[in-house]
Amino acid sequence: MADKTIIALREAAAAYAEAVRTTQRFFDRLEDSADPSALVEYATLVEREKEAEQARLEAIEAAGFEVPSIDESDPDN
């Protein structure tokens, strides 16, 4: 059985993936991008994605995963 850190990582990754899918479904049904209620809904979805992403990144860090930057402009790379 996986330890609590790995379970938390899996759950955080799943929550982030679901947040992204929810935003994608929003765009699937979007009819009027100028509709104020659509803009409010989109802003809410973006905030949920950001929160889920942050939780995922924290879980990754807690699990000890580190990946060096692949950005060629990074002098430490």
Protein backbone atom coordinates (compact mmCIF):
# COMPACT_ATOMS: atom_id res chain seq x y z
CA MET A 1 0.00 0.00 0.00
CA ALA A 2 1.20 3.48 -0.82
CA ASP A 3 2.12 5.78 2.00
CA LYS A 4 0.04 8.84 2.92
CA THR A 5 2.28 11.18 0.94
CA ILE A 6 1.77 9.24 -2.28
CA ILE A 7 -1.97 8.96 -1.66
CA ALA A 8 -2.15 12.73 -1.11
CA LEU A 9 -0.16 13.26 -4.31
CA ARG A 10 -2.54 11.07 -6.30
CA GLU A 11 -5.57 12.83 -4.87
CA ALA A 12 -4.13 16.28 -5.56
CA ALA A 13 -3.25 15.31 -9.13
CA ALA A 14 -6.75 13.93 -9.69
CA ALA A 15 -8.35 17.07 -8.26
CA TYR A 16 -6.23 19.26 -10.54
CA ALA A 17 -7.10 17.14 -13.58
CA GLU A 18 -10.79 17.39 -12.72
CA ALA A 19 -10.55 21.17 -12.35
CA VAL A 20 -9.02 21.40 -15.83
CA ARG A 21 -11.69 19.07 -17.27
CA THR A 22 -14.40 21.22 -15.68
CA THR A 23 -13.00 24.27 -17.44
CA GLN A 24 -12.84 22.35 -20.70
CA ARG A 25 -16.50 21.34 -20.33
CA PHE A 26 -17.36 24.99 -19.69
CA PHE A 27 -15.83 25.90 -23.05
CA ASP A 28 -17.66 23.00 -24.72
CA ARG A 29 -20.99 24.50 -23.75
CA LEU A 30 -20.06 28.19 -24.04
CA GLU A 31 -22.32 30.03 -26.48
CA ASP A 32 -21.64 33.71 -25.76
CA SER A 33 -18.22 34.77 -24.55
CA ALA A 34 -19.51 38.30 -23.86
CA ASP A 35 -22.18 37.09 -21.43
CA PRO A 36 -21.33 38.53 -18.00
CA SER A 37 -22.44 35.35 -16.23
CA ALA A 38 -20.07 33.32 -18.43
CA LEU A 39 -17.21 35.62 -17.49
CA VAL A 40 -18.01 35.22 -13.80
CA GLU A 41 -18.21 31.44 -14.15
CA TYR A 42 -14.92 31.36 -16.04
CA ALA A 43 -13.21 33.49 -13.37
CA THR A 44 -14.43 31.03 -10.74
CA LEU A 45 -13.16 28.06 -12.73
CA VAL A 46 -9.75 29.68 -13.21
CA GLU A 47 -9.47 30.29 -9.48
CA ARG A 48 -10.34 26.65 -8.76
CA GLU A 49 -7.70 25.52 -11.25
CA LYS A 50 -5.09 27.73 -9.58
CA GLU A 51 -5.97 26.38 -6.13
CA ALA A 52 -5.88 22.79 -7.37
CA GLU A 53 -2.58 23.39 -9.14
CA GLN A 54 -1.05 24.84 -5.98
CA ALA A 55 -2.24 21.87 -3.93
CA ARG A 56 -0.79 19.51 -6.54
CA LEU A 57 2.56 21.31 -6.53
CA GLU A 58 2.67 21.22 -2.73
CA ALA A 59 1.92 17.49 -2.76
CA ILE A 60 4.66 16.92 -5.34
CA GLU A 61 7.12 18.82 -3.20
CA ALA A 62 6.04 16.95 -0.05
CA ALA A 63 6.63 13.67 -1.89
CA GLY A 64 10.18 14.75 -2.65
CA PHE A 65 9.90 15.05 -6.41
CA GLU A 66 12.27 17.58 -7.93
CA VAL A 67 12.73 18.11 -11.63
CA PRO A 68 15.40 20.48 -12.89
CA SER A 69 14.25 23.26 -15.15
CA ILE A 70 14.18 22.54 -18.86
CA ASP A 71 14.21 26.23 -19.66
CA GLU A 72 17.45 26.82 -21.59
CA SER A 73 17.66 30.39 -20.29
CA ASP A 74 18.09 29.05 -16.76
CA PRO A 75 21.78 29.48 -15.88
CA ASP A 76 21.59 26.58 -13.39
CA ASN A 77 20.42 24.18 -16.08
